[in-house]
C-alpha atoms as a PDB file:
ATOM      1  CA  UNK A   1       7.669 -14.138 -11.255  1.00  0.00           C
ATOM      2  CA  UNK A   2       5.383 -14.480 -14.243  1.00  0.00           C
ATOM      3  CA  UNK A   3       3.936 -11.437 -15.986  1.00  0.00           C
ATOM      4  CA  UNK A   4       0.573 -12.222 -14.321  1.00  0.00           C
ATOM      5  CA  UNK A   5       2.015 -11.601 -10.876  1.00  0.00           C
ATOM      6  CA  UNK A   6       3.805  -8.330 -11.472  1.00  0.00           C
ATOM      7  CA  UNK A   7       2.359  -5.735  -9.094  1.00  0.00           C
ATOM      8  CA  UNK A   8       0.652  -2.715 -10.514  1.00  0.00           C
ATOM      9  CA  UNK A   9       0.795   0.586  -8.696  1.00  0.00           C
ATOM     10  CA  UNK A  10      -1.587   2.196 -11.154  1.00  0.00           C
ATOM     11  CA  UNK A  11      -4.345   4.432  -9.850  1.00  0.00           C
ATOM     12  CA  UNK A  12      -7.638   2.615  -9.236  1.00  0.00           C
ATOM     13  CA  UNK A  13      -9.546   5.620 -10.574  1.00  0.00           C
ATOM     14  CA  UNK A  14      -7.767   6.643 -13.781  1.00  0.00           C
ATOM     15  CA  UNK A  15      -5.329   3.700 -14.233  1.00  0.00           C
ATOM     16  CA  UNK A  16      -2.444   6.187 -14.483  1.00  0.00           C
ATOM     17  CA  UNK A  17       0.924   5.804 -12.769  1.00  0.00           C
ATOM     18  CA  UNK A  18       1.058   6.817  -9.121  1.00  0.00           C
ATOM     19  CA  UNK A  19       3.935   8.329  -7.179  1.00  0.00           C
ATOM     20  CA  UNK A  20       5.344   6.214  -4.383  1.00  0.00           C
ATOM     21  CA  UNK A  21       5.212   8.537  -1.365  1.00  0.00           C
ATOM     22  CA  UNK A  22       6.340   6.126   1.390  1.00  0.00           C
ATOM     23  CA  UNK A  23       7.933   2.695   0.982  1.00  0.00           C
ATOM     24  CA  UNK A  24       6.757   1.111   4.223  1.00  0.00           C
ATOM     25  CA  UNK A  25       8.131  -2.447   3.852  1.00  0.00           C
ATOM     26  CA  UNK A  26       8.960  -4.850   1.034  1.00  0.00           C
ATOM     27  CA  UNK A  27      10.177  -8.444   0.654  1.00  0.00           C
ATOM     28  CA  UNK A  28      11.301  -9.505  -2.765  1.00  0.00           C
ATOM     29  CA  UNK A  29      10.565  -9.649  -5.550  1.00  0.00           C
ATOM     30  CA  UNK A  30      11.619 -13.234  -5.567  1.00  0.00           C
ATOM     31  CA  UNK A  31      10.563 -15.897  -8.048  1.00  0.00           C
ATOM     32  CA  UNK A  32       7.854 -17.334  -5.852  1.00  0.00           C
ATOM     33  CA  UNK A  33       7.125 -14.528  -3.368  1.00  0.00           C
ATOM     34  CA  UNK A  34       6.811 -10.723  -3.235  1.00  0.00           C
ATOM     35  CA  UNK A  35       4.995  -8.479  -0.823  1.00  0.00           C
ATOM     36  CA  UNK A  36       5.009  -4.828   0.044  1.00  0.00           C
ATOM     37  CA  UNK A  37       3.157  -2.059   1.806  1.00  0.00           C
ATOM     38  CA  UNK A  38       3.383   1.484   0.452  1.00  0.00           C
ATOM     39  CA  UNK A  39       1.619   4.805   0.198  1.00  0.00           C
ATOM     40  CA  UNK A  40       0.841   5.960  -3.345  1.00  0.00           C
ATOM     41  CA  UNK A  41      -0.496   9.228  -4.730  1.00  0.00           C
ATOM     42  CA  UNK A  42      -2.175  10.025  -8.047  1.00  0.00           C
ATOM     43  CA  UNK A  43      -1.740  13.709  -8.867  1.00  0.00           C
ATOM     44  CA  UNK A  44      -4.238  13.487 -11.741  1.00  0.00           C
ATOM     45  CA  UNK A  45      -6.999  12.317  -9.386  1.00  0.00           C
ATOM     46  CA  UNK A  46      -5.685  14.133  -6.298  1.00  0.00           C
ATOM     47  CA  UNK A  47      -6.073  10.984  -4.141  1.00  0.00           C
ATOM     48  CA  UNK A  48      -3.723   8.767  -2.186  1.00  0.00           C
ATOM     49  CA  UNK A  49      -3.786   5.081  -1.407  1.00  0.00           C
ATOM     50  CA  UNK A  50      -2.436   2.819   1.301  1.00  0.00           C
ATOM     51  CA  UNK A  51      -1.717  -0.427  -0.576  1.00  0.00           C
ATOM     52  CA  UNK A  52      -0.517  -3.812   0.558  1.00  0.00           C
ATOM     53  CA  UNK A  53       0.389  -6.367  -2.107  1.00  0.00           C
ATOM     54  CA  UNK A  54       1.159 -10.057  -1.669  1.00  0.00           C
ATOM     55  CA  UNK A  55       2.219 -12.666  -4.196  1.00  0.00           C
ATOM     56  CA  UNK A  56       2.794 -16.088  -2.651  1.00  0.00           C
ATOM     57  CA  UNK A  57       3.353 -19.063  -4.972  1.00  0.00           C
ATOM     58  CA  UNK A  58       3.594 -21.396  -1.972  1.00  0.00           C
ATOM     59  CA  UNK A  59      -0.136 -21.301  -1.105  1.00  0.00           C
ATOM     60  CA  UNK A  60      -2.096 -24.519  -1.389  1.00  0.00           C
ATOM     61  CA  UNK A  61      -4.721 -24.539  -4.167  1.00  0.00           C
ATOM     62  CA  UNK A  62      -8.070 -23.397  -2.788  1.00  0.00           C
ATOM     63  CA  UNK A  63      -6.500 -22.108   0.463  1.00  0.00           C
ATOM     64  CA  UNK A  64      -6.257 -18.480  -0.730  1.00  0.00           C
ATOM     65  CA  UNK A  65      -5.408 -16.528  -3.834  1.00  0.00           C
ATOM     66  CA  UNK A  66      -1.733 -16.412  -4.757  1.00  0.00           C
ATOM     67  CA  UNK A  67      -2.066 -12.680  -5.486  1.00  0.00           C
ATOM     68  CA  UNK A  68      -3.860 -10.450  -2.993  1.00  0.00           C
ATOM     69  CA  UNK A  69      -4.093  -6.658  -2.790  1.00  0.00           C
ATOM     70  CA  UNK A  70      -5.491  -4.661   0.114  1.00  0.00           C
ATOM     71  CA  UNK A  71      -6.270  -1.024  -0.450  1.00  0.00           C
ATOM     72  CA  UNK A  72      -7.562   2.018   1.361  1.00  0.00           C
ATOM     73  CA  UNK A  73      -8.046   5.571   0.222  1.00  0.00           C
ATOM     74  CA  UNK A  74      -5.999   8.426   1.696  1.00  0.00           C
ATOM     75  CA  UNK A  75      -7.407  11.875   0.901  1.00  0.00           C
ATOM     76  CA  UNK A  76      -4.835  14.315  -0.461  1.00  0.00           C
ATOM     77  CA  UNK A  77      -4.730  16.273   2.824  1.00  0.00           C
ATOM     78  CA  UNK A  78      -3.640  13.111   4.644  1.00  0.00           C
ATOM     79  CA  UNK A  79      -0.960  12.431   2.005  1.00  0.00           C
ATOM     80  CA  UNK A  80       0.306  16.007   2.522  1.00  0.00           C
ATOM     81  CA  UNK A  81       0.231  15.492   6.300  1.00  0.00           C
ATOM     82  CA  UNK A  82       2.177  12.217   5.886  1.00  0.00           C
ATOM     83  CA  UNK A  83       4.821  13.923   3.704  1.00  0.00           C
ATOM     84  CA  UNK A  84       5.387  16.576   6.385  1.00  0.00           C
ATOM     85  CA  UNK A  85       5.101  14.377   9.494  1.00  0.00           C
ATOM     86  CA  UNK A  86       6.973  11.233   8.408  1.00  0.00           C
ATOM     87  CA  UNK A  87       9.927  11.216  10.809  1.00  0.00           C
ATOM     88  CA  UNK A  88      12.518   9.511   8.556  1.00  0.00           C
ATOM     89  CA  UNK A  89      15.011  11.109   6.199  1.00  0.00           C
ATOM     90  CA  UNK A  90      14.579   8.156   3.773  1.00  0.00           C
ATOM     91  CA  UNK A  91      10.818   7.653   3.370  1.00  0.00           C
ATOM     92  CA  UNK A  92      11.211   5.547   0.193  1.00  0.00           C
ATOM     93  CA  UNK A  93      13.641   3.096   1.858  1.00  0.00           C
ATOM     94  CA  UNK A  94      11.363   0.122   2.409  1.00  0.00           C
ATOM     95  CA  UNK A  95      14.245  -1.698   4.221  1.00  0.00           C
ATOM     96  CA  UNK A  96      14.629   1.061   6.862  1.00  0.00           C
ATOM     97  CA  UNK A  97      13.999  -0.170  10.408  1.00  0.00           C
ATOM     98  CA  UNK A  98      13.759   3.220  12.097  1.00  0.00           C
ATOM     99  CA  UNK A  99      10.997   3.881  14.615  1.00  0.00           C
ATOM    100  CA  UNK A 100       8.929   5.736  11.995  1.00  0.00           C
ATOM    101  CA  UNK A 101       9.027   2.916   9.426  1.00  0.00           C
ATOM    102  CA  UNK A 102       8.220   0.349  12.132  1.00  0.00           C
ATOM    103  CA  UNK A 103       5.233   2.469  13.316  1.00  0.00           C
ATOM    104  CA  UNK A 104       4.052   2.891   9.717  1.00  0.00           C
ATOM    105  CA  UNK A 105       4.199  -0.845   9.158  1.00  0.00           C
ATOM    106  CA  UNK A 106       2.464  -1.727  12.401  1.00  0.00           C
ATOM    107  CA  UNK A 107      -0.298   0.807  11.879  1.00  0.00           C
ATOM    108  CA  UNK A 108      -0.652  -0.322   8.239  1.00  0.00           C
ATOM    109  CA  UNK A 109      -1.280  -3.882   9.436  1.00  0.00           C
ATOM    110  CA  UNK A 110      -3.989  -2.658  11.807  1.00  0.00           C
ATOM    111  CA  UNK A 111      -5.533  -0.199   9.313  1.00  0.00           C
ATOM    112  CA  UNK A 112      -8.873  -1.180   7.843  1.00  0.00           C
ATOM    113  CA  UNK A 113      -8.139  -1.930   4.170  1.00  0.00           C
ATOM    114  CA  UNK A 114     -10.388  -3.504   1.515  1.00  0.00           C
ATOM    115  CA  UNK A 115      -9.267  -6.821  -0.010  1.00  0.00           C
ATOM    116  CA  UNK A 116      -9.666  -6.297  -3.759  1.00  0.00           C
ATOM    117  CA  UNK A 117     -10.897  -9.164  -5.913  1.00  0.00           C
ATOM    118  CA  UNK A 118      -8.166 -10.930  -7.886  1.00  0.00           C
ATOM    119  CA  UNK A 119      -9.999 -10.761 -11.222  1.00  0.00           C
ATOM    120  CA  UNK A 120     -12.798  -8.813 -12.832  1.00  0.00           C
ATOM    121  CA  UNK A 121     -13.815  -5.155 -13.095  1.00  0.00           C
ATOM    122  CA  UNK A 122     -13.963  -4.575  -9.330  1.00  0.00           C
ATOM    123  CA  UNK A 123     -10.208  -5.147  -9.119  1.00  0.00           C
ATOM    124  CA  UNK A 124      -9.506  -1.678 -10.435  1.00  0.00           C
ATOM    125  CA  UNK A 125     -12.044   0.587  -8.823  1.00  0.00           C
ATOM    126  CA  UNK A 126     -12.184   2.742  -5.707  1.00  0.00           C
ATOM    127  CA  UNK A 127     -15.826   1.768  -5.106  1.00  0.00           C
ATOM    128  CA  UNK A 128     -16.335   0.189  -1.697  1.00  0.00           C
ATOM    129  CA  UNK A 129     -12.797   0.800  -0.445  1.00  0.00           C
ATOM    130  CA  UNK A 130     -12.228   1.985   3.083  1.00  0.00           C
ATOM    131  CA  UNK A 131     -10.591   5.295   3.960  1.00  0.00           C
ATOM    132  CA  UNK A 132      -7.730   5.706   6.427  1.00  0.00           C
ATOM    133  CA  UNK A 133      -6.290   8.852   7.945  1.00  0.00           C
ATOM    134  CA  UNK A 134      -2.860   9.892   9.153  1.00  0.00           C
ATOM    135  CA  UNK A 135      -2.280  11.053  12.738  1.00  0.00           C
ATOM    136  CA  UNK A 136       0.753  12.087  14.688  1.00  0.00           C
ATOM    137  CA  UNK A 137       1.111   9.865  17.809  1.00  0.00           C
ATOM    138  CA  UNK A 138       4.074  10.267  20.151  1.00  0.00           C
ATOM    139  CA  UNK A 139       5.977  12.117  17.392  1.00  0.00           C
ATOM    140  CA  UNK A 140       5.430   9.440  14.701  1.00  0.00           C
ATOM    141  CA  UNK A 141       2.954   9.342  11.817  1.00  0.00           C
ATOM    142  CA  UNK A 142       0.597   6.409  11.828  1.00  0.00           C
ATOM    143  CA  UNK A 143      -2.462   5.207   9.949  1.00  0.00           C
ATOM    144  CA  UNK A 144      -5.834   5.117  11.631  1.00  0.00           C
END
């Protein structure tokens, strides 16, 4: 993967490093493909983020961007709720296939996230991003 396609988990507000709270799912990184979904938290800004990243070097030119990032804000109270409600002993294990990780992935896919532009100043800003919440449903945490 070229240096231009390395994912950044930096905060969209202060550009500082964020803690990975939950590793929902990840494929790669491979030379021509990498994608993941994770929950991040910036202690400096006291804000969380549900982020999905996709790098796909197999796309046809003009079909879609080869790098896409979807993002939604999680307020700190929802990050705290997720930390306490996440029903898996290995929340950072993005390869885990337990019921909690499966629910987190499925609800992440359905969650309303903002597609960030690939280039330009709007790429790294929280302006215009959606907000998701965390709820306990049938004993499992999910995004709404």
